[in-house]
All heavy atoms as atom14 arrays in JSON, in Angstrom:
{
  "sequence": "RYANPTYDSQNEIAKMFILKGDSTVSGGYVSFQSNSHPIDFR",
  "atom14_mask": [
    [1, 1, 1, 1, 1, 1, 1, 1, 1, 1, 1, 0, 0, 0],
    [1, 1, 1, 1, 1, 1, 1, 1, 1, 1, 1, 1, 0, 0],
    [1, 1, 1, 1, 1, 0, 0, 0, 0, 0, 0, 0, 0, 0],
    [1, 1, 1, 1, 1, 1, 1, 1, 0, 0, 0, 0, 0, 0],
    [1, 1, 1, 1, 1, 1, 1, 0, 0, 0, 0, 0, 0, 0],
    [1, 1, 1, 1, 1, 1, 1, 0, 0, 0, 0, 0, 0, 0],
    [1, 1, 1, 1, 1, 1, 1, 1, 1, 1, 1, 1, 0, 0],
    [1, 1, 1, 1, 1, 1, 1, 1, 0, 0, 0, 0, 0, 0],
    [1, 1, 1, 1, 1, 1, 0, 0, 0, 0, 0, 0, 0, 0],
    [1, 1, 1, 1, 1, 1, 1, 1, 1, 0, 0, 0, 0, 0],
    [1, 1, 1, 1, 1, 1, 1, 1, 0, 0, 0, 0, 0, 0],
    [1, 1, 1, 1, 1, 1, 1, 1, 1, 0, 0, 0, 0, 0],
    [1, 1, 1, 1, 1, 1, 1, 1, 0, 0, 0, 0, 0, 0],
    [1, 1, 1, 1, 1, 0, 0, 0, 0, 0, 0, 0, 0, 0],
    [1, 1, 1, 1, 1, 1, 1, 1, 1, 0, 0, 0, 0, 0],
    [1, 1, 1, 1, 1, 1, 1, 1, 0, 0, 0, 0, 0, 0],
    [1, 1, 1, 1, 1, 1, 1, 1, 1, 1, 1, 0, 0, 0],
    [1, 1, 1, 1, 1, 1, 1, 1, 0, 0, 0, 0, 0, 0],
    [1, 1, 1, 1, 1, 1, 1, 1, 0, 0, 0, 0, 0, 0],
    [1, 1, 1, 1, 1, 1, 1, 1, 1, 0, 0, 0, 0, 0],
    [1, 1, 1, 1, 0, 0, 0, 0, 0, 0, 0, 0, 0, 0],
    [1, 1, 1, 1, 1, 1, 1, 1, 0, 0, 0, 0, 0, 0],
    [1, 1, 1, 1, 1, 1, 0, 0, 0, 0, 0, 0, 0, 0],
    [1, 1, 1, 1, 1, 1, 1, 0, 0, 0, 0, 0, 0, 0],
    [1, 1, 1, 1, 1, 1, 1, 0, 0, 0, 0, 0, 0, 0],
    [1, 1, 1, 1, 1, 1, 0, 0, 0, 0, 0, 0, 0, 0],
    [1, 1, 1, 1, 0, 0, 0, 0, 0, 0, 0, 0, 0, 0],
    [1, 1, 1, 1, 0, 0, 0, 0, 0, 0, 0, 0, 0, 0],
    [1, 1, 1, 1, 1, 1, 1, 1, 1, 1, 1, 1, 0, 0],
    [1, 1, 1, 1, 1, 1, 1, 0, 0, 0, 0, 0, 0, 0],
    [1, 1, 1, 1, 1, 1, 0, 0, 0, 0, 0, 0, 0, 0],
    [1, 1, 1, 1, 1, 1, 1, 1, 1, 1, 1, 0, 0, 0],
    [1, 1, 1, 1, 1, 1, 1, 1, 1, 0, 0, 0, 0, 0],
    [1, 1, 1, 1, 1, 1, 0, 0, 0, 0, 0, 0, 0, 0],
    [1, 1, 1, 1, 1, 1, 1, 1, 0, 0, 0, 0, 0, 0],
    [1, 1, 1, 1, 1, 1, 0, 0, 0, 0, 0, 0, 0, 0],
    [1, 1, 1, 1, 1, 1, 1, 1, 1, 1, 0, 0, 0, 0],
    [1, 1, 1, 1, 1, 1, 1, 0, 0, 0, 0, 0, 0, 0],
    [1, 1, 1, 1, 1, 1, 1, 1, 0, 0, 0, 0, 0, 0],
    [1, 1, 1, 1, 1, 1, 1, 1, 0, 0, 0, 0, 0, 0],
    [1, 1, 1, 1, 1, 1, 1, 1, 1, 1, 1, 0, 0, 0],
    [1, 1, 1, 1, 1, 1, 1, 1, 1, 1, 1, 0, 0, 0]
  ],
  "atom14_positions": [
    [[16.91, 0.69, -0.86], [16.36, 1.5, -1.99], [15.69, 0.61, -2.95], [16.09, -0.43, -3.29], [17.48, 2.24, -2.74], [17.07, 3.22, -3.83], [18.33, 3.79, -4.42], [18.94, 4.7, -3.55], [19.28, 5.96, -3.78], [18.9, 6.48, -4.89], [19.82, 6.79, -2.93], [0.0, 0.0, 0.0], [0.0, 0.0, 0.0], [0.0, 0.0, 0.0]],
    [[14.47, 1.06, -3.41], [13.67, 0.31, -4.43], [12.85, 1.31, -5.14], [12.84, 2.5, -4.98], [12.91, -0.81, -3.71], [11.96, -0.32, -2.62], [10.68, -0.03, -2.73], [12.61, -0.23, -1.25], [9.87, 0.45, -1.67], [11.87, 0.17, -0.22], [10.52, 0.49, -0.38], [9.71, 0.92, 0.74], [0.0, 0.0, 0.0], [0.0, 0.0, 0.0]],
    [[11.98, 0.76, -6.05], [11.25, 1.72, -6.95], [9.98, 1.08, -7.59], [9.77, -0.15, -7.49], [12.22, 2.17, -8.07], [0.0, 0.0, 0.0], [0.0, 0.0, 0.0], [0.0, 0.0, 0.0], [0.0, 0.0, 0.0], [0.0, 0.0, 0.0], [0.0, 0.0, 0.0], [0.0, 0.0, 0.0], [0.0, 0.0, 0.0], [0.0, 0.0, 0.0]],
    [[9.22, 1.95, -8.24], [8.11, 1.67, -9.11], [7.04, 0.71, -8.41], [6.82, -0.43, -8.99], [8.68, 1.03, -10.41], [9.57, 2.03, -11.1], [9.46, 3.18, -10.96], [10.62, 1.51, -11.75], [0.0, 0.0, 0.0], [0.0, 0.0, 0.0], [0.0, 0.0, 0.0], [0.0, 0.0, 0.0], [0.0, 0.0, 0.0], [0.0, 0.0, 0.0]],
    [[6.44, 1.01, -7.42], [5.34, 0.23, -6.83], [4.18, 0.05, -7.76], [3.76, 0.99, -8.44], [5.0, 0.83, -5.57], [5.4, 2.35, -5.76], [6.56, 2.33, -6.66], [0.0, 0.0, 0.0], [0.0, 0.0, 0.0], [0.0, 0.0, 0.0], [0.0, 0.0, 0.0], [0.0, 0.0, 0.0], [0.0, 0.0, 0.0], [0.0, 0.0, 0.0]],
    [[3.58, -1.21, -7.76], [2.4, -1.45, -8.62], [1.46, -2.29, -7.72], [1.91, -3.09, -6.85], [2.76, -2.15, -9.89], [3.45, -3.36, -9.57], [3.53, -1.32, -10.8], [0.0, 0.0, 0.0], [0.0, 0.0, 0.0], [0.0, 0.0, 0.0], [0.0, 0.0, 0.0], [0.0, 0.0, 0.0], [0.0, 0.0, 0.0], [0.0, 0.0, 0.0]],
    [[0.17, -2.23, -8.0], [-0.81, -3.1, -7.3], [-0.71, -4.54, -7.82], [-0.45, -4.7, -9.08], [-2.22, -2.57, -7.5], [-2.49, -1.29, -6.74], [-2.75, -0.01, -7.43], [-2.56, -1.21, -5.41], [-3.0, 1.14, -6.73], [-2.8, -0.07, -4.68], [-3.04, 1.09, -5.4], [-3.25, 2.19, -4.72], [0.0, 0.0, 0.0], [0.0, 0.0, 0.0]],
    [[-0.99, -5.48, -6.99], [-1.09, -6.9, -7.32], [-2.41, -7.16, -7.85], [-3.35, -7.24, -7.11], [-0.7, -7.69, -6.09], [-0.77, -9.22, -6.41], [-1.05, -9.6, -7.59], [-0.59, -9.99, -5.47], [0.0, 0.0, 0.0], [0.0, 0.0, 0.0], [0.0, 0.0, 0.0], [0.0, 0.0, 0.0], [0.0, 0.0, 0.0], [0.0, 0.0, 0.0]],
    [[-2.63, -7.47, -9.13], [-3.87, -7.76, -9.77], [-4.56, -8.95, -9.28], [-5.76, -9.2, -9.37], [-3.72, -7.78, -11.26], [-2.95, -8.86, -11.65], [0.0, 0.0, 0.0], [0.0, 0.0, 0.0], [0.0, 0.0, 0.0], [0.0, 0.0, 0.0], [0.0, 0.0, 0.0], [0.0, 0.0, 0.0], [0.0, 0.0, 0.0], [0.0, 0.0, 0.0]],
    [[-3.71, -9.88, -8.54], [-4.32, -11.16, -7.97], [-4.82, -10.98, -6.61], [-5.41, -11.83, -6.06], [-3.2, -12.25, -8.06], [-2.66, -12.49, -9.46], [-3.69, -12.89, -10.44], [-4.5, -13.81, -10.19], [-3.76, -12.2, -11.5], [0.0, 0.0, 0.0], [0.0, 0.0, 0.0], [0.0, 0.0, 0.0], [0.0, 0.0, 0.0], [0.0, 0.0, 0.0]],
    [[-4.59, -9.74, -6.0], [-4.95, -9.43, -4.66], [-6.47, -8.91, -4.72], [-6.72, -7.91, -5.47], [-4.15, -8.48, -3.95], [-4.47, -8.29, -2.47], [-5.57, -7.58, -2.29], [-3.74, -8.75, -1.63], [0.0, 0.0, 0.0], [0.0, 0.0, 0.0], [0.0, 0.0, 0.0], [0.0, 0.0, 0.0], [0.0, 0.0, 0.0], [0.0, 0.0, 0.0]],
    [[-7.43, -9.56, -4.04], [-8.83, -9.13, -4.11], [-9.17, -7.7, -3.8], [-9.98, -7.07, -4.32], [-9.77, -10.04, -3.28], [-9.85, -11.54, -3.88], [-10.46, -11.5, -5.26], [-11.5, -10.88, -5.48], [-10.0, -12.19, -6.18], [0.0, 0.0, 0.0], [0.0, 0.0, 0.0], [0.0, 0.0, 0.0], [0.0, 0.0, 0.0], [0.0, 0.0, 0.0]],
    [[-8.39, -7.21, -2.84], [-8.61, -5.8, -2.43], [-7.82, -4.86, -3.29], [-8.36, -3.88, -3.77], [-8.26, -5.67, -0.83], [-9.06, -6.62, -0.06], [-8.4, -4.18, -0.5], [-8.73, -6.55, 1.44], [0.0, 0.0, 0.0], [0.0, 0.0, 0.0], [0.0, 0.0, 0.0], [0.0, 0.0, 0.0], [0.0, 0.0, 0.0], [0.0, 0.0, 0.0]],
    [[-6.51, -5.24, -3.42], [-5.65, -4.35, -4.25], [-6.28, -4.01, -5.64], [-6.0, -2.94, -6.21], [-4.26, -4.87, -4.33], [0.0, 0.0, 0.0], [0.0, 0.0, 0.0], [0.0, 0.0, 0.0], [0.0, 0.0, 0.0], [0.0, 0.0, 0.0], [0.0, 0.0, 0.0], [0.0, 0.0, 0.0], [0.0, 0.0, 0.0], [0.0, 0.0, 0.0]],
    [[-6.77, -5.07, -6.29], [-7.2, -4.93, -7.66], [-8.38, -3.91, -7.85], [-8.59, -3.34, -8.86], [-7.67, -6.31, -8.31], [-8.98, -6.84, -7.7], [-9.23, -8.13, -8.47], [-10.58, -8.78, -7.99], [-10.78, -10.11, -8.62], [0.0, 0.0, 0.0], [0.0, 0.0, 0.0], [0.0, 0.0, 0.0], [0.0, 0.0, 0.0], [0.0, 0.0, 0.0]],
    [[-8.96, -3.5, -6.65], [-10.02, -2.46, -6.7], [-9.44, -1.11, -7.03], [-10.12, -0.18, -7.5], [-10.79, -2.4, -5.44], [-11.57, -3.64, -5.02], [-12.63, -3.29, -3.55], [-11.45, -2.75, -2.34], [0.0, 0.0, 0.0], [0.0, 0.0, 0.0], [0.0, 0.0, 0.0], [0.0, 0.0, 0.0], [0.0, 0.0, 0.0], [0.0, 0.0, 0.0]],
    [[-8.1, -0.9, -6.87], [-7.42, 0.32, -7.03], [-6.76, 0.45, -8.34], [-6.08, 1.46, -8.66], [-6.48, 0.61, -5.87], [-7.19, 0.51, -4.46], [-6.95, -0.58, -3.69], [-8.08, 1.46, -4.12], [-7.62, -0.72, -2.39], [-8.72, 1.34, -2.9], [-8.49, 0.28, -2.02], [0.0, 0.0, 0.0], [0.0, 0.0, 0.0], [0.0, 0.0, 0.0]],
    [[-6.88, -0.55, -9.14], [-6.35, -0.53, -10.5], [-7.36, 0.02, -11.52], [-8.42, -0.5, -11.72], [-5.98, -2.03, -11.0], [-4.93, -2.66, -10.09], [-5.42, -1.96, -12.47], [-4.55, -4.01, -10.39], [0.0, 0.0, 0.0], [0.0, 0.0, 0.0], [0.0, 0.0, 0.0], [0.0, 0.0, 0.0], [0.0, 0.0, 0.0], [0.0, 0.0, 0.0]],
    [[-7.04, 1.23, -12.02], [-8.01, 1.97, -12.8], [-7.64, 1.93, -14.29], [-6.49, 2.24, -14.6], [-8.08, 3.44, -12.25], [-8.48, 3.56, -10.81], [-8.43, 5.06, -10.45], [-9.82, 2.96, -10.54], [0.0, 0.0, 0.0], [0.0, 0.0, 0.0], [0.0, 0.0, 0.0], [0.0, 0.0, 0.0], [0.0, 0.0, 0.0], [0.0, 0.0, 0.0]],
    [[-8.53, 1.56, -15.12], [-8.33, 1.43, -16.59], [-7.11, 0.71, -16.96], [-6.36, 1.15, -17.84], [-8.29, 2.89, -17.11], [-9.59, 3.7, -16.95], [-9.52, 5.06, -17.57], [-10.86, 5.81, -17.43], [-10.8, 7.23, -17.96], [0.0, 0.0, 0.0], [0.0, 0.0, 0.0], [0.0, 0.0, 0.0], [0.0, 0.0, 0.0], [0.0, 0.0, 0.0]],
    [[-6.79, -0.39, -16.16], [-5.69, -1.26, -16.48], [-4.32, -0.7, -15.96], [-3.31, -1.35, -16.13], [0.0, 0.0, 0.0], [0.0, 0.0, 0.0], [0.0, 0.0, 0.0], [0.0, 0.0, 0.0], [0.0, 0.0, 0.0], [0.0, 0.0, 0.0], [0.0, 0.0, 0.0], [0.0, 0.0, 0.0], [0.0, 0.0, 0.0], [0.0, 0.0, 0.0]],
    [[-4.3, 0.37, -15.29], [-3.09, 1.0, -14.88], [-2.87, 0.61, -13.39], [-3.66, 1.07, -12.54], [-3.09, 2.5, -14.94], [-1.83, 3.24, -14.59], [-0.78, 2.49, -14.22], [-1.73, 4.43, -14.54], [0.0, 0.0, 0.0], [0.0, 0.0, 0.0], [0.0, 0.0, 0.0], [0.0, 0.0, 0.0], [0.0, 0.0, 0.0], [0.0, 0.0, 0.0]],
    [[-1.84, -0.14, -13.09], [-1.67, -0.69, -11.77], [-0.57, 0.11, -10.99], [-0.2, -0.19, -9.89], [-1.15, -2.15, -11.8], [0.08, -2.24, -12.52], [0.0, 0.0, 0.0], [0.0, 0.0, 0.0], [0.0, 0.0, 0.0], [0.0, 0.0, 0.0], [0.0, 0.0, 0.0], [0.0, 0.0, 0.0], [0.0, 0.0, 0.0], [0.0, 0.0, 0.0]],
    [[-0.13, 1.25, -11.62], [0.81, 2.09, -10.96], [0.38, 2.66, -9.62], [-0.74, 3.09, -9.48], [1.27, 3.26, -11.84], [1.73, 2.69, -13.14], [2.41, 4.15, -11.22], [0.0, 0.0, 0.0], [0.0, 0.0, 0.0], [0.0, 0.0, 0.0], [0.0, 0.0, 0.0], [0.0, 0.0, 0.0], [0.0, 0.0, 0.0], [0.0, 0.0, 0.0]],
    [[1.23, 2.62, -8.66], [0.88, 3.22, -7.31], [1.6, 4.53, -7.2], [2.91, 4.51, -7.02], [1.29, 2.34, -6.12], [0.9, 2.97, -4.73], [0.63, 0.91, -6.24], [0.0, 0.0, 0.0], [0.0, 0.0, 0.0], [0.0, 0.0, 0.0], [0.0, 0.0, 0.0], [0.0, 0.0, 0.0], [0.0, 0.0, 0.0], [0.0, 0.0, 0.0]],
    [[0.82, 5.73, -7.29], [1.5, 6.96, -7.29], [1.48, 7.7, -5.97], [1.95, 8.82, -5.82], [0.94, 7.84, -8.36], [-0.45, 7.95, -8.14], [0.0, 0.0, 0.0], [0.0, 0.0, 0.0], [0.0, 0.0, 0.0], [0.0, 0.0, 0.0], [0.0, 0.0, 0.0], [0.0, 0.0, 0.0], [0.0, 0.0, 0.0], [0.0, 0.0, 0.0]],
    [[0.78, 7.13, -5.0], [0.68, 7.8, -3.65], [-0.37, 7.03, -2.82], [-0.78, 5.93, -3.13], [0.0, 0.0, 0.0], [0.0, 0.0, 0.0], [0.0, 0.0, 0.0], [0.0, 0.0, 0.0], [0.0, 0.0, 0.0], [0.0, 0.0, 0.0], [0.0, 0.0, 0.0], [0.0, 0.0, 0.0], [0.0, 0.0, 0.0], [0.0, 0.0, 0.0]],
    [[-0.65, 7.62, -1.65], [-1.58, 6.92, -0.68], [-1.5, 7.49, 0.62], [-0.97, 8.66, 0.81], [0.0, 0.0, 0.0], [0.0, 0.0, 0.0], [0.0, 0.0, 0.0], [0.0, 0.0, 0.0], [0.0, 0.0, 0.0], [0.0, 0.0, 0.0], [0.0, 0.0, 0.0], [0.0, 0.0, 0.0], [0.0, 0.0, 0.0], [0.0, 0.0, 0.0]],
    [[-1.92, 6.7, 1.7], [-2.0, 7.2, 2.95], [-0.9, 6.67, 3.82], [-0.48, 5.48, 3.76], [-3.35, 6.88, 3.63], [-4.42, 7.76, 3.03], [-5.02, 7.49, 1.84], [-4.92, 8.88, 3.65], [-6.06, 8.19, 1.24], [-5.89, 9.71, 3.12], [-6.39, 9.33, 1.93], [-7.39, 10.15, 1.38], [0.0, 0.0, 0.0], [0.0, 0.0, 0.0]],
    [[-0.3, 7.57, 4.72], [0.69, 7.03, 5.75], [-0.03, 6.64, 6.99], [-1.05, 7.2, 7.36], [1.63, 8.29, 6.07], [2.47, 7.96, 7.35], [2.56, 8.54, 4.88], [0.0, 0.0, 0.0], [0.0, 0.0, 0.0], [0.0, 0.0, 0.0], [0.0, 0.0, 0.0], [0.0, 0.0, 0.0], [0.0, 0.0, 0.0], [0.0, 0.0, 0.0]],
    [[0.44, 5.53, 7.63], [-0.18, 5.14, 8.89], [0.91, 4.41, 9.65], [2.0, 4.05, 9.18], [-1.35, 4.13, 8.59], [-0.87, 3.01, 7.87], [0.0, 0.0, 0.0], [0.0, 0.0, 0.0], [0.0, 0.0, 0.0], [0.0, 0.0, 0.0], [0.0, 0.0, 0.0], [0.0, 0.0, 0.0], [0.0, 0.0, 0.0], [0.0, 0.0, 0.0]],
    [[0.53, 4.11, 10.92], [1.39, 3.41, 11.82], [0.66, 2.16, 12.44], [-0.52, 2.26, 12.51], [1.85, 4.26, 13.09], [2.65, 5.54, 12.63], [2.01, 6.76, 12.65], [3.92, 5.36, 12.26], [2.81, 7.8, 12.23], [4.73, 6.4, 11.86], [4.1, 7.7, 11.83], [0.0, 0.0, 0.0], [0.0, 0.0, 0.0], [0.0, 0.0, 0.0]],
    [[1.4, 1.1, 12.66], [0.82, -0.17, 13.04], [0.54, -0.23, 14.56], [1.42, 0.24, 15.25], [1.6, -1.31, 12.56], [1.91, -1.48, 11.1], [2.81, -2.6, 10.8], [3.59, -3.01, 11.51], [2.61, -3.19, 9.59], [0.0, 0.0, 0.0], [0.0, 0.0, 0.0], [0.0, 0.0, 0.0], [0.0, 0.0, 0.0], [0.0, 0.0, 0.0]],
    [[-0.46, -0.85, 14.99], [-0.55, -1.48, 16.31], [-0.54, -2.98, 16.14], [-1.53, -3.65, 15.74], [-1.83, -1.01, 17.07], [-2.99, -1.48, 16.35], [0.0, 0.0, 0.0], [0.0, 0.0, 0.0], [0.0, 0.0, 0.0], [0.0, 0.0, 0.0], [0.0, 0.0, 0.0], [0.0, 0.0, 0.0], [0.0, 0.0, 0.0], [0.0, 0.0, 0.0]],
    [[0.64, -3.51, 16.23], [0.88, -4.92, 16.01], [0.78, -5.86, 17.27], [0.42, -7.03, 17.03], [2.22, -5.18, 15.35], [2.14, -5.09, 13.81], [1.04, -4.88, 13.21], [3.3, -5.13, 13.18], [0.0, 0.0, 0.0], [0.0, 0.0, 0.0], [0.0, 0.0, 0.0], [0.0, 0.0, 0.0], [0.0, 0.0, 0.0], [0.0, 0.0, 0.0]],
    [[1.19, -5.37, 18.39], [1.09, -6.12, 19.62], [2.21, -5.65, 20.64], [2.12, -6.09, 21.76], [1.23, -7.61, 19.37], [2.44, -7.94, 18.75], [0.0, 0.0, 0.0], [0.0, 0.0, 0.0], [0.0, 0.0, 0.0], [0.0, 0.0, 0.0], [0.0, 0.0, 0.0], [0.0, 0.0, 0.0], [0.0, 0.0, 0.0], [0.0, 0.0, 0.0]],
    [[3.17, -4.88, 20.24], [4.12, -4.42, 21.25], [4.09, -2.88, 21.36], [4.05, -2.16, 20.42], [5.64, -4.76, 20.69], [6.61, -4.73, 21.79], [7.17, -5.86, 22.39], [7.15, -3.77, 22.57], [7.93, -5.61, 23.33], [8.02, -4.24, 23.47], [0.0, 0.0, 0.0], [0.0, 0.0, 0.0], [0.0, 0.0, 0.0], [0.0, 0.0, 0.0]],
    [[4.08, -2.43, 22.72], [3.97, -1.05, 22.94], [5.01, -0.19, 22.26], [6.26, -0.64, 22.22], [4.06, -0.93, 24.44], [3.66, -2.3, 24.96], [4.13, -3.23, 23.93], [0.0, 0.0, 0.0], [0.0, 0.0, 0.0], [0.0, 0.0, 0.0], [0.0, 0.0, 0.0], [0.0, 0.0, 0.0], [0.0, 0.0, 0.0], [0.0, 0.0, 0.0]],
    [[4.8, 0.93, 21.76], [5.68, 1.72, 21.05], [5.32, 3.21, 21.23], [4.17, 3.59, 21.47], [5.72, 1.4, 19.52], [6.91, 2.22, 18.8], [4.35, 1.7, 18.82], [7.11, 1.65, 17.4], [0.0, 0.0, 0.0], [0.0, 0.0, 0.0], [0.0, 0.0, 0.0], [0.0, 0.0, 0.0], [0.0, 0.0, 0.0], [0.0, 0.0, 0.0]],
    [[6.35, 4.14, 21.32], [6.08, 5.47, 21.44], [6.71, 6.28, 20.28], [7.72, 5.86, 19.66], [6.82, 6.04, 22.67], [6.13, 5.6, 23.98], [5.02, 5.36, 23.98], [6.98, 5.44, 25.03], [0.0, 0.0, 0.0], [0.0, 0.0, 0.0], [0.0, 0.0, 0.0], [0.0, 0.0, 0.0], [0.0, 0.0, 0.0], [0.0, 0.0, 0.0]],
    [[6.03, 7.37, 19.93], [6.58, 8.3, 18.88], [6.63, 9.75, 19.56], [5.66, 10.13, 20.09], [5.68, 8.35, 17.64], [5.54, 7.08, 16.96], [4.66, 6.14, 17.3], [6.39, 6.8, 15.88], [4.48, 4.96, 16.54], [6.28, 5.6, 15.18], [5.33, 4.68, 15.52], [0.0, 0.0, 0.0], [0.0, 0.0, 0.0], [0.0, 0.0, 0.0]],
    [[7.76, 10.37, 19.51], [7.89, 11.67, 20.06], [7.97, 12.79, 19.07], [7.86, 13.97, 19.25], [9.06, 11.81, 20.99], [10.44, 11.75, 20.36], [11.53, 11.9, 21.36], [12.91, 11.72, 20.81], [14.02, 11.73, 21.52], [13.93, 11.82, 22.83], [15.21, 11.58, 20.92], [0.0, 0.0, 0.0], [0.0, 0.0, 0.0], [0.0, 0.0, 0.0]]
  ]
}
């Protein structure tokens, strides 16, 4: 369990999503990784 995600202002890509100084992360997109090992979802 954890809480209160925020964007890292030192990350070159993440800082693009900080609007008007507010780094709060309130939502986003769900995705699955293709990392290198075969996996199934049913």
